[in-house]
């Protein structure tokens, strides 16, 4: 039953990421196709800019989802190990920091992608 709940949560997260990606793509498409005024035309995205915006969104969303999955495993196993051996708490914190590093790498990748626009 627990595995089924995890799959439902992951499915909901994937649906949310899909909806967010579609909304970003729709927003970018409207800025490409119909600039409302000359000032908006200066801010309008071209197709490579819209694709870069979508790629940055996917990089952040994917890395944070992967970081959450990794951190869940680290926390579950780390707390179980720390209950038996309290000296393993430091290692649990180090592994948690490495799991959070995945999200930071995704954010840096998105910054690099969006810096190219």
N, C-alpha and C. Protein backbone atom coordinates (compact mmCIF):
# COMPACT_ATOMS: atom_id res chain seq x y z
N UNK A 1 0.82 -1.20 0.00
CA UNK A 1 0.00 0.00 0.00
C UNK A 1 0.86 1.26 0.00
N UNK A 2 2.00 1.20 0.71
CA UNK A 2 2.88 2.36 0.78
C UNK A 2 3.47 2.67 -0.60
N UNK A 3 3.86 1.64 -1.35
CA UNK A 3 4.42 1.84 -2.67
C UNK A 3 3.41 2.46 -3.62
N UNK A 4 2.14 2.11 -3.45
CA UNK A 4 1.10 2.66 -4.30
C UNK A 4 0.92 4.15 -4.03
N UNK A 5 1.01 4.56 -2.76
CA UNK A 5 0.90 5.98 -2.43
C UNK A 5 2.07 6.77 -3.01
N UNK A 6 3.26 6.20 -2.96
CA UNK A 6 4.43 6.87 -3.52
C UNK A 6 4.28 7.04 -5.03
N UNK A 7 3.78 6.01 -5.69
CA UNK A 7 3.56 6.11 -7.13
C UNK A 7 2.51 7.17 -7.48
N UNK A 8 1.48 7.28 -6.65
CA UNK A 8 0.46 8.29 -6.90
C UNK A 8 1.04 9.69 -6.72
N UNK A 9 1.87 9.88 -5.70
CA UNK A 9 2.50 11.19 -5.48
C UNK A 9 3.44 11.52 -6.64
N UNK A 10 4.24 10.55 -7.09
CA UNK A 10 5.13 10.80 -8.22
C UNK A 10 4.35 11.09 -9.50
N UNK A 11 3.24 10.40 -9.69
CA UNK A 11 2.40 10.67 -10.86
C UNK A 11 1.83 12.08 -10.80
N UNK A 12 1.38 12.48 -9.61
CA UNK A 12 0.85 13.84 -9.46
C UNK A 12 1.95 14.88 -9.71
N UNK A 13 3.16 14.61 -9.25
CA UNK A 13 4.27 15.53 -9.50
C UNK A 13 4.58 15.61 -10.99
N UNK A 14 4.54 14.49 -11.67
CA UNK A 14 4.79 14.50 -13.12
C UNK A 14 3.70 15.26 -13.87
N UNK A 15 2.45 15.11 -13.45
CA UNK A 15 1.36 15.84 -14.09
C UNK A 15 1.52 17.33 -13.84
N UNK A 16 1.91 17.70 -12.60
CA UNK A 16 2.12 19.12 -12.29
C UNK A 16 3.26 19.69 -13.14
N UNK A 17 4.35 18.93 -13.30
CA UNK A 17 5.46 19.40 -14.14
C UNK A 17 5.01 19.55 -15.58
N UNK A 18 4.19 18.63 -16.06
CA UNK A 18 3.69 18.70 -17.43
C UNK A 18 2.82 19.94 -17.62
N UNK A 19 1.92 20.20 -16.67
CA UNK A 19 1.07 21.38 -16.77
C UNK A 19 1.88 22.66 -16.70
N UNK A 20 2.89 22.70 -15.84
CA UNK A 20 3.74 23.89 -15.76
C UNK A 20 4.51 24.09 -17.06
N UNK A 21 5.01 23.01 -17.64
CA UNK A 21 5.74 23.11 -18.90
C UNK A 21 4.82 23.59 -20.03
N UNK A 22 3.60 23.09 -20.05
CA UNK A 22 2.65 23.51 -21.08
C UNK A 22 2.31 24.99 -20.91
N UNK A 23 2.14 25.44 -19.67
CA UNK A 23 1.80 26.85 -19.47
C UNK A 23 2.97 27.75 -19.86
N UNK A 24 4.20 27.33 -19.56
CA UNK A 24 5.37 28.12 -19.98
C UNK A 24 5.45 28.17 -21.50
N UNK A 25 5.23 27.04 -22.14
CA UNK A 25 5.28 26.99 -23.60
C UNK A 25 4.17 27.84 -24.22
N UNK A 26 2.97 27.78 -23.63
CA UNK A 26 1.87 28.60 -24.16
C UNK A 26 2.15 30.08 -23.98
N UNK A 27 2.70 30.45 -22.84
CA UNK A 27 3.05 31.85 -22.60
C UNK A 27 4.11 32.31 -23.59
N UNK A 28 5.11 31.48 -23.82
CA UNK A 28 6.16 31.85 -24.76
C UNK A 28 5.61 31.92 -26.18
N UNK A 29 4.69 31.01 -26.52
CA UNK A 29 4.12 31.02 -27.87
C UNK A 29 3.30 32.27 -28.11
N UNK A 30 2.56 32.72 -27.12
CA UNK A 30 1.77 33.94 -27.31
C UNK A 30 2.68 35.15 -27.43
N UNK A 31 3.81 35.16 -26.73
CA UNK A 31 4.75 36.27 -26.86
C UNK A 31 5.45 36.25 -28.21
N UNK A 32 5.60 35.07 -28.80
CA UNK A 32 6.23 34.98 -30.12
C UNK A 32 5.26 35.42 -31.21
N UNK A 33 4.02 34.92 -31.12
CA UNK A 33 3.08 35.11 -32.22
C UNK A 33 2.40 36.47 -32.25
N UNK A 34 2.07 37.01 -31.07
CA UNK A 34 1.27 38.22 -31.06
C UNK A 34 1.84 39.27 -30.10
N UNK A 35 2.86 39.98 -30.48
CA UNK A 35 3.26 41.09 -29.63
C UNK A 35 2.18 42.17 -29.66
N UNK A 36 1.74 42.61 -28.47
CA UNK A 36 0.59 43.52 -28.38
C UNK A 36 0.94 44.95 -28.78
N UNK A 37 2.15 45.38 -28.50
CA UNK A 37 2.52 46.77 -28.79
C UNK A 37 4.00 46.80 -29.18
N UNK A 38 4.48 47.94 -29.65
CA UNK A 38 5.91 48.02 -29.99
C UNK A 38 6.81 47.76 -28.77
N UNK A 39 6.36 48.16 -27.58
CA UNK A 39 7.16 47.89 -26.38
C UNK A 39 7.17 46.39 -26.08
N UNK A 40 6.02 45.74 -26.29
CA UNK A 40 5.96 44.29 -26.07
C UNK A 40 6.74 43.55 -27.15
N UNK A 41 6.82 44.15 -28.34
CA UNK A 41 7.57 43.52 -29.42
C UNK A 41 9.06 43.46 -29.09
N UNK A 42 9.54 44.45 -28.36
CA UNK A 42 10.94 44.45 -27.97
C UNK A 42 11.23 43.35 -26.96
N UNK A 43 10.22 42.99 -26.16
CA UNK A 43 10.38 41.95 -25.15
C UNK A 43 9.97 40.58 -25.66
N UNK A 44 9.44 40.48 -26.87
CA UNK A 44 8.93 39.22 -27.39
C UNK A 44 10.05 38.21 -27.54
N UNK A 45 9.70 36.97 -27.32
CA UNK A 45 10.66 35.88 -27.44
C UNK A 45 10.64 35.34 -28.86
N UNK A 46 11.77 34.89 -29.32
CA UNK A 46 11.80 34.14 -30.56
C UNK A 46 11.75 32.66 -30.18
N UNK A 47 11.70 31.78 -31.16
CA UNK A 47 11.55 30.36 -30.87
C UNK A 47 12.73 29.79 -30.06
N UNK A 48 13.99 30.10 -30.39
CA UNK A 48 15.08 29.58 -29.55
C UNK A 48 15.01 30.09 -28.11
N UNK A 49 14.56 31.32 -27.91
CA UNK A 49 14.41 31.84 -26.56
C UNK A 49 13.33 31.10 -25.78
N UNK A 50 12.22 30.78 -26.48
CA UNK A 50 11.14 30.04 -25.83
C UNK A 50 11.58 28.63 -25.48
N UNK A 51 12.33 28.00 -26.36
CA UNK A 51 12.82 26.65 -26.08
C UNK A 51 13.81 26.68 -24.92
N UNK A 52 14.65 27.71 -24.85
CA UNK A 52 15.59 27.84 -23.74
C UNK A 52 14.84 28.06 -22.43
N UNK A 53 13.76 28.83 -22.46
CA UNK A 53 12.95 29.04 -21.26
C UNK A 53 12.34 27.73 -20.79
N UNK A 54 11.83 26.95 -21.72
CA UNK A 54 11.25 25.65 -21.38
C UNK A 54 12.33 24.69 -20.87
N UNK A 55 13.51 24.71 -21.48
CA UNK A 55 14.59 23.83 -21.04
C UNK A 55 15.05 24.19 -19.63
N UNK A 56 15.09 25.48 -19.32
CA UNK A 56 15.46 25.89 -17.96
C UNK A 56 14.43 25.43 -16.94
N UNK A 57 13.14 25.53 -17.30
CA UNK A 57 12.08 25.08 -16.40
C UNK A 57 12.15 23.57 -16.17
N UNK A 58 12.41 22.82 -17.22
CA UNK A 58 12.51 21.36 -17.08
C UNK A 58 13.74 20.98 -16.26
N UNK A 59 14.86 21.70 -16.43
CA UNK A 59 16.07 21.41 -15.67
C UNK A 59 15.84 21.61 -14.18
N UNK A 60 15.18 22.70 -13.80
CA UNK A 60 14.92 22.96 -12.38
C UNK A 60 13.93 21.95 -11.83
N UNK A 61 12.84 21.71 -12.56
CA UNK A 61 11.82 20.79 -12.07
C UNK A 61 12.35 19.37 -11.93
N UNK A 62 13.08 18.92 -12.93
CA UNK A 62 13.62 17.56 -12.87
C UNK A 62 14.65 17.38 -11.78
N UNK A 63 15.52 18.36 -11.60
CA UNK A 63 16.56 18.23 -10.58
C UNK A 63 15.98 18.31 -9.17
N UNK A 64 14.96 19.14 -8.96
CA UNK A 64 14.37 19.20 -7.64
C UNK A 64 13.58 17.94 -7.32
N UNK A 65 12.94 17.35 -8.31
CA UNK A 65 12.24 16.09 -8.09
C UNK A 65 13.24 14.98 -7.77
N UNK A 66 14.33 14.92 -8.51
CA UNK A 66 15.36 13.91 -8.24
C UNK A 66 16.00 14.13 -6.87
N UNK A 67 16.19 15.39 -6.50
CA UNK A 67 16.76 15.70 -5.19
C UNK A 67 15.82 15.25 -4.07
N UNK A 68 14.54 15.46 -4.26
CA UNK A 68 13.57 15.02 -3.25
C UNK A 68 13.54 13.52 -3.09
N UNK A 69 13.63 12.80 -4.20
CA UNK A 69 13.65 11.34 -4.13
C UNK A 69 14.92 10.86 -3.43
N UNK A 70 16.07 11.47 -3.76
CA UNK A 70 17.33 11.09 -3.12
C UNK A 70 17.33 11.42 -1.64
N UNK A 71 16.79 12.58 -1.30
CA UNK A 71 16.77 13.00 0.10
C UNK A 71 15.85 12.11 0.93
N UNK A 72 14.77 11.63 0.33
CA UNK A 72 13.89 10.72 1.04
C UNK A 72 14.62 9.43 1.40
N UNK A 73 15.38 8.89 0.45
CA UNK A 73 16.14 7.67 0.73
C UNK A 73 17.22 7.89 1.77
N UNK A 74 17.91 9.02 1.68
CA UNK A 74 18.96 9.32 2.65
C UNK A 74 18.37 9.48 4.04
N UNK A 75 17.25 10.20 4.14
CA UNK A 75 16.66 10.44 5.44
C UNK A 75 16.12 9.15 6.06
N UNK A 76 15.48 8.33 5.25
CA UNK A 76 14.93 7.08 5.77
C UNK A 76 16.03 6.17 6.30
N UNK A 77 17.04 5.95 5.48
CA UNK A 77 18.13 5.06 5.90
C UNK A 77 18.99 5.72 6.97
N UNK A 78 19.20 7.02 6.89
CA UNK A 78 20.05 7.71 7.85
C UNK A 78 19.47 7.72 9.25
N UNK A 79 18.17 7.98 9.36
CA UNK A 79 17.57 7.97 10.69
C UNK A 79 17.55 6.58 11.29
N UNK A 80 17.34 5.57 10.45
CA UNK A 80 17.37 4.20 10.96
C UNK A 80 18.78 3.83 11.45
N UNK A 81 19.80 4.25 10.69
CA UNK A 81 21.17 3.95 11.10
C UNK A 81 21.57 4.78 12.32
N UNK A 82 21.13 6.04 12.39
CA UNK A 82 21.49 6.90 13.52
C UNK A 82 20.81 6.45 14.81
N UNK A 83 19.69 5.76 14.69
CA UNK A 83 19.04 5.24 15.89
C UNK A 83 19.87 4.14 16.52
N UNK A 84 20.58 3.37 15.70
CA UNK A 84 21.41 2.30 16.22
C UNK A 84 22.80 2.79 16.60
N UNK A 85 23.38 3.67 15.77
CA UNK A 85 24.72 4.21 16.01
C UNK A 85 24.66 5.73 15.89
N UNK A 86 24.62 6.46 17.00
CA UNK A 86 24.50 7.93 16.93
C UNK A 86 25.68 8.61 16.24
N UNK A 87 26.82 7.96 16.15
CA UNK A 87 27.98 8.60 15.50
C UNK A 87 27.82 8.69 13.98
N UNK A 88 26.80 8.04 13.42
CA UNK A 88 26.55 8.11 11.97
C UNK A 88 25.74 9.34 11.57
N UNK A 89 25.35 10.17 12.53
CA UNK A 89 24.55 11.36 12.23
C UNK A 89 25.28 12.31 11.29
N UNK A 90 26.59 12.46 11.49
CA UNK A 90 27.38 13.34 10.63
C UNK A 90 27.36 12.85 9.19
N UNK A 91 27.49 11.56 9.01
CA UNK A 91 27.46 11.00 7.66
C UNK A 91 26.09 11.19 7.02
N UNK A 92 25.04 11.10 7.83
CA UNK A 92 23.69 11.33 7.31
C UNK A 92 23.55 12.76 6.80
N UNK A 93 24.09 13.72 7.54
CA UNK A 93 24.02 15.12 7.11
C UNK A 93 24.85 15.36 5.84
N UNK A 94 26.00 14.70 5.74
CA UNK A 94 26.83 14.84 4.54
C UNK A 94 26.09 14.28 3.32
N UNK A 95 25.49 13.11 3.48
CA UNK A 95 24.75 12.51 2.36
C UNK A 95 23.52 13.34 2.00
N UNK A 96 22.87 13.94 2.99
CA UNK A 96 21.74 14.83 2.71
C UNK A 96 22.19 16.06 1.93
N UNK A 97 23.35 16.59 2.27
CA UNK A 97 23.89 17.73 1.53
C UNK A 97 24.23 17.37 0.09
N UNK A 98 24.74 16.17 -0.12
CA UNK A 98 25.01 15.73 -1.49
C UNK A 98 23.71 15.56 -2.29
N UNK A 99 22.67 15.07 -1.62
CA UNK A 99 21.38 14.92 -2.30
C UNK A 99 20.80 16.29 -2.66
N UNK A 100 20.97 17.27 -1.78
CA UNK A 100 20.49 18.62 -2.08
C UNK A 100 21.32 19.28 -3.17
N UNK A 101 22.55 18.84 -3.33
CA UNK A 101 23.41 19.37 -4.39
C UNK A 101 22.83 19.12 -5.77
N UNK A 102 22.05 18.06 -5.92
CA UNK A 102 21.42 17.78 -7.22
C UNK A 102 20.52 18.94 -7.63
N UNK A 103 19.75 19.47 -6.68
CA UNK A 103 18.86 20.60 -6.99
C UNK A 103 19.67 21.85 -7.33
N UNK A 104 20.77 22.05 -6.64
CA UNK A 104 21.61 23.22 -6.92
C UNK A 104 22.21 23.12 -8.31
N UNK A 105 22.64 21.92 -8.71
CA UNK A 105 23.19 21.75 -10.06
C UNK A 105 22.13 22.03 -11.12
N UNK A 106 20.90 21.61 -10.89
CA UNK A 106 19.82 21.90 -11.83
C UNK A 106 19.55 23.39 -11.93
N UNK A 107 19.60 24.09 -10.79
CA UNK A 107 19.39 25.53 -10.80
C UNK A 107 20.52 26.24 -11.55
N UNK A 108 21.77 25.80 -11.33
CA UNK A 108 22.89 26.39 -12.06
C UNK A 108 22.78 26.14 -13.56
N UNK A 109 22.34 24.95 -13.93
CA UNK A 109 22.15 24.64 -15.34
C UNK A 109 21.08 25.54 -15.95
N UNK A 110 19.99 25.77 -15.22
CA UNK A 110 18.94 26.65 -15.73
C UNK A 110 19.46 28.09 -15.87
N UNK A 111 20.27 28.55 -14.92
CA UNK A 111 20.83 29.89 -15.01
C UNK A 111 21.73 29.99 -16.23
N UNK A 112 22.55 28.96 -16.49
CA UNK A 112 23.40 28.98 -17.67
C UNK A 112 22.60 28.97 -18.96
N UNK A 113 21.51 28.19 -19.00
CA UNK A 113 20.67 28.15 -20.19
C UNK A 113 19.99 29.49 -20.42
N UNK A 114 19.42 30.06 -19.36
CA UNK A 114 18.70 31.32 -19.51
C UNK A 114 19.64 32.50 -19.74
N UNK A 115 20.90 32.35 -19.37
CA UNK A 115 21.88 33.39 -19.65
C UNK A 115 22.20 33.49 -21.13
N UNK A 116 21.85 32.49 -21.89
CA UNK A 116 22.11 32.48 -23.32
C UNK A 116 21.02 33.20 -24.12
N UNK A 117 19.89 33.55 -23.48
CA UNK A 117 18.79 34.21 -24.19
C UNK A 117 19.17 35.61 -24.57
